[in-house]
N, C-alpha and C. Protein backbone atom coordinates (compact mmCIF):
# COMPACT_ATOMS: atom_id res chain seq x y z
N MET A 1 29.97 2.36 -0.92
CA MET A 1 30.93 3.36 -0.43
C MET A 1 30.07 4.82 -0.13
N SER A 2 30.32 5.39 0.94
CA SER A 2 29.63 6.60 1.21
C SER A 2 30.28 7.79 0.38
N LYS A 3 29.55 8.70 0.14
CA LYS A 3 29.86 9.89 -0.62
C LYS A 3 30.58 10.86 0.31
N GLY A 4 29.99 11.16 1.54
CA GLY A 4 30.57 12.26 2.33
C GLY A 4 31.25 11.62 3.44
N LYS A 5 31.45 12.57 4.46
CA LYS A 5 32.11 12.09 5.69
C LYS A 5 31.09 11.55 6.60
N ASN A 6 31.51 10.42 7.30
CA ASN A 6 30.62 9.95 8.30
C ASN A 6 30.46 10.85 9.45
N GLN A 7 29.43 10.92 10.02
CA GLN A 7 29.11 11.87 11.21
C GLN A 7 29.23 11.15 12.51
N HIS A 8 29.90 11.67 13.58
CA HIS A 8 29.94 11.09 14.84
C HIS A 8 29.33 12.01 15.86
N VAL A 9 28.46 11.41 16.59
CA VAL A 9 27.92 12.14 17.71
C VAL A 9 28.84 11.65 19.04
N VAL A 10 29.47 12.76 19.61
CA VAL A 10 30.55 12.43 20.68
C VAL A 10 30.28 13.27 22.01
N PRO A 11 30.72 12.71 23.09
CA PRO A 11 30.66 13.63 24.22
C PRO A 11 31.60 14.73 24.14
N HIS A 12 31.21 15.89 24.65
CA HIS A 12 31.98 17.19 24.39
C HIS A 12 31.82 17.97 25.65
N PRO A 13 32.89 18.74 25.99
CA PRO A 13 32.56 19.50 27.26
C PRO A 13 31.40 20.35 27.21
N GLY A 14 30.42 20.43 28.11
CA GLY A 14 29.27 21.15 28.11
C GLY A 14 28.04 20.54 27.31
N GLY A 15 28.29 19.29 26.71
CA GLY A 15 27.22 18.60 26.17
C GLY A 15 27.68 17.62 25.12
N TRP A 16 27.32 17.72 23.88
CA TRP A 16 27.53 16.73 22.82
C TRP A 16 27.96 17.31 21.70
N GLY A 17 28.77 16.69 20.91
CA GLY A 17 29.37 17.37 19.68
C GLY A 17 29.01 16.46 18.38
N VAL A 18 28.88 17.22 17.33
CA VAL A 18 28.83 16.51 15.91
C VAL A 18 30.18 16.72 15.36
N ARG A 19 30.81 15.67 14.84
CA ARG A 19 32.11 15.72 14.21
C ARG A 19 32.09 14.92 12.96
N GLY A 20 32.62 15.50 11.78
CA GLY A 20 32.74 14.67 10.66
C GLY A 20 34.00 13.90 10.85
N GLU A 21 34.02 12.65 10.21
CA GLU A 21 35.07 11.75 10.39
C GLU A 21 36.43 12.30 9.93
N GLY A 22 37.45 12.29 10.78
CA GLY A 22 38.77 12.76 10.34
C GLY A 22 38.95 14.24 10.77
N ASN A 23 37.75 14.93 11.15
CA ASN A 23 38.01 16.28 11.54
C ASN A 23 38.49 16.29 12.88
N GLY A 24 39.39 17.37 13.23
CA GLY A 24 39.92 17.63 14.52
C GLY A 24 38.86 18.36 15.30
N LYS A 25 38.09 19.10 14.92
CA LYS A 25 37.13 19.84 15.60
C LYS A 25 35.78 19.54 15.28
N VAL A 26 34.95 19.95 16.29
CA VAL A 26 33.48 19.34 16.09
C VAL A 26 32.88 20.41 15.31
N THR A 27 31.69 19.97 14.51
CA THR A 27 30.90 20.86 13.61
C THR A 27 30.08 21.91 14.44
N ARG A 28 29.36 21.11 15.54
CA ARG A 28 28.36 21.77 16.24
C ARG A 28 28.56 21.22 17.70
N VAL A 29 28.01 21.96 18.72
CA VAL A 29 28.10 21.47 20.06
C VAL A 29 26.57 21.74 20.52
N THR A 30 25.93 20.69 21.13
CA THR A 30 24.49 20.91 21.73
C THR A 30 24.60 20.53 23.14
N GLU A 31 23.43 20.90 23.85
CA GLU A 31 23.33 20.57 25.30
C GLU A 31 22.92 19.14 25.43
N THR A 32 22.11 18.73 24.51
CA THR A 32 21.65 17.19 24.66
C THR A 32 22.15 16.25 23.49
N GLN A 33 22.28 15.10 23.79
CA GLN A 33 22.58 14.04 22.79
C GLN A 33 21.62 13.95 21.74
N ARG A 34 20.33 14.11 22.09
CA ARG A 34 19.33 14.22 21.24
C ARG A 34 19.29 15.12 19.97
N GLU A 35 19.66 16.38 20.46
CA GLU A 35 19.81 17.43 19.55
C GLU A 35 21.01 17.21 18.59
N ALA A 36 22.17 16.68 19.11
CA ALA A 36 23.47 16.32 18.30
C ALA A 36 23.00 15.08 17.30
N ILE A 37 22.26 14.28 17.70
CA ILE A 37 21.94 13.10 16.87
C ILE A 37 20.99 13.61 15.70
N GLN A 38 20.05 14.55 15.99
CA GLN A 38 19.20 15.12 15.06
C GLN A 38 20.10 15.93 13.94
N ILE A 39 21.00 16.67 14.37
CA ILE A 39 21.71 17.46 13.44
C ILE A 39 22.67 16.56 12.57
N ALA A 40 23.29 15.60 13.33
CA ALA A 40 24.20 14.65 12.62
C ALA A 40 23.48 13.84 11.64
N ARG A 41 22.17 13.38 12.03
CA ARG A 41 21.38 12.59 11.06
C ARG A 41 21.09 13.34 9.73
N GLU A 42 20.63 14.54 9.86
CA GLU A 42 20.38 15.36 8.55
C GLU A 42 21.63 15.55 7.76
N ILE A 43 22.84 15.82 8.41
CA ILE A 43 24.14 15.85 7.59
C ILE A 43 24.39 14.52 6.90
N ALA A 44 24.29 13.48 7.53
CA ALA A 44 24.64 12.16 7.07
C ALA A 44 23.80 11.76 5.94
N GLN A 45 22.41 12.18 6.02
CA GLN A 45 21.48 12.03 4.95
C GLN A 45 21.75 12.71 3.86
N ASN A 46 22.17 14.00 3.87
CA ASN A 46 22.62 14.92 2.84
C ASN A 46 23.74 14.30 2.19
N GLN A 47 24.76 13.91 2.75
CA GLN A 47 25.88 13.57 2.31
C GLN A 47 26.01 11.92 2.00
N GLN A 48 24.94 11.26 2.25
CA GLN A 48 24.76 9.86 2.10
C GLN A 48 25.97 9.13 2.66
N SER A 49 26.05 9.29 3.92
CA SER A 49 27.15 8.84 4.68
C SER A 49 26.63 8.11 5.84
N GLU A 50 27.38 7.68 6.85
CA GLU A 50 26.96 6.88 8.09
C GLU A 50 26.72 7.94 9.24
N LEU A 51 25.92 7.50 10.20
CA LEU A 51 25.85 8.22 11.41
C LEU A 51 26.31 7.31 12.56
N LEU A 52 27.23 7.57 13.35
CA LEU A 52 27.72 6.87 14.49
C LEU A 52 27.52 7.61 15.78
N ILE A 53 26.77 7.04 16.65
CA ILE A 53 26.44 7.55 17.89
C ILE A 53 27.29 6.92 18.99
N HIS A 54 28.05 7.77 19.72
CA HIS A 54 28.86 7.21 20.74
C HIS A 54 28.16 7.55 22.22
N GLY A 55 28.52 6.65 23.07
CA GLY A 55 27.99 6.81 24.50
C GLY A 55 28.88 7.78 25.34
N ARG A 56 28.57 8.06 26.49
CA ARG A 56 29.27 8.94 27.34
C ARG A 56 30.75 8.36 27.51
N ASN A 57 30.95 6.95 27.37
CA ASN A 57 32.27 6.24 27.49
C ASN A 57 33.09 6.46 26.22
N GLY A 58 32.50 7.03 25.26
CA GLY A 58 33.15 7.11 23.84
C GLY A 58 33.06 6.03 22.91
N GLN A 59 32.56 4.87 23.31
CA GLN A 59 32.37 3.68 22.53
C GLN A 59 31.15 3.79 21.53
N ILE A 60 31.14 3.41 20.50
CA ILE A 60 30.01 3.51 19.53
C ILE A 60 28.90 2.48 20.06
N ARG A 61 27.54 3.15 20.32
CA ARG A 61 26.55 2.38 20.75
C ARG A 61 25.53 2.24 19.68
N GLU A 62 25.53 2.93 18.69
CA GLU A 62 24.50 2.89 17.48
C GLU A 62 25.07 3.40 16.35
N ARG A 63 24.61 2.84 15.11
CA ARG A 63 25.03 3.34 13.90
C ARG A 63 23.94 3.18 12.96
N ASP A 64 23.85 4.16 11.82
CA ASP A 64 22.76 4.27 10.88
C ASP A 64 23.47 4.51 9.63
N SER A 65 23.20 3.93 8.54
CA SER A 65 23.74 4.22 7.19
C SER A 65 22.68 4.82 6.25
N PHE A 66 23.16 5.91 5.51
CA PHE A 66 22.13 6.62 4.67
C PHE A 66 22.79 6.64 3.29
N GLY A 67 24.02 5.87 3.14
CA GLY A 67 24.50 5.67 1.80
C GLY A 67 24.17 4.53 0.99
N ASN A 68 24.96 4.02 0.18
CA ASN A 68 24.92 2.62 -0.45
C ASN A 68 25.40 1.70 0.43
N ASP A 69 24.74 0.95 1.31
CA ASP A 69 25.02 0.03 2.27
C ASP A 69 25.43 -1.23 1.54
N PRO A 70 26.57 -1.60 1.75
CA PRO A 70 27.23 -2.98 1.16
C PRO A 70 26.47 -4.19 1.75
N PHE A 71 25.77 -4.05 2.71
CA PHE A 71 25.14 -5.15 3.35
C PHE A 71 23.53 -4.69 3.73
N PRO A 72 22.83 -4.44 2.68
CA PRO A 72 21.49 -3.97 2.94
C PRO A 72 20.64 -5.05 3.65
N PRO A 73 19.68 -4.67 4.56
CA PRO A 73 18.91 -5.74 5.06
C PRO A 73 18.12 -6.49 4.01
N LYS A 74 17.91 -7.79 4.38
CA LYS A 74 17.13 -8.62 3.47
C LYS A 74 15.70 -8.67 3.78
N GLY A 75 14.78 -8.74 2.88
CA GLY A 75 13.45 -8.98 3.31
C GLY A 75 12.70 -7.84 2.58
């Protein structure tokens, strides 16, 4: 179970937004998705939560976990 709020990178007017799960407002707005991913990744690492990256269509295209993953990779 993650400790902090999962961080979402979402399309936002004028660029991309970083939003904590359940929050109505974005935490940060950036011009590029790459910038938003970098900011969200740092927050997710600090909070030991998940990073969810949405595409322009709003659907999740990638996710990364920084908490205690219930299904860690084997090997």
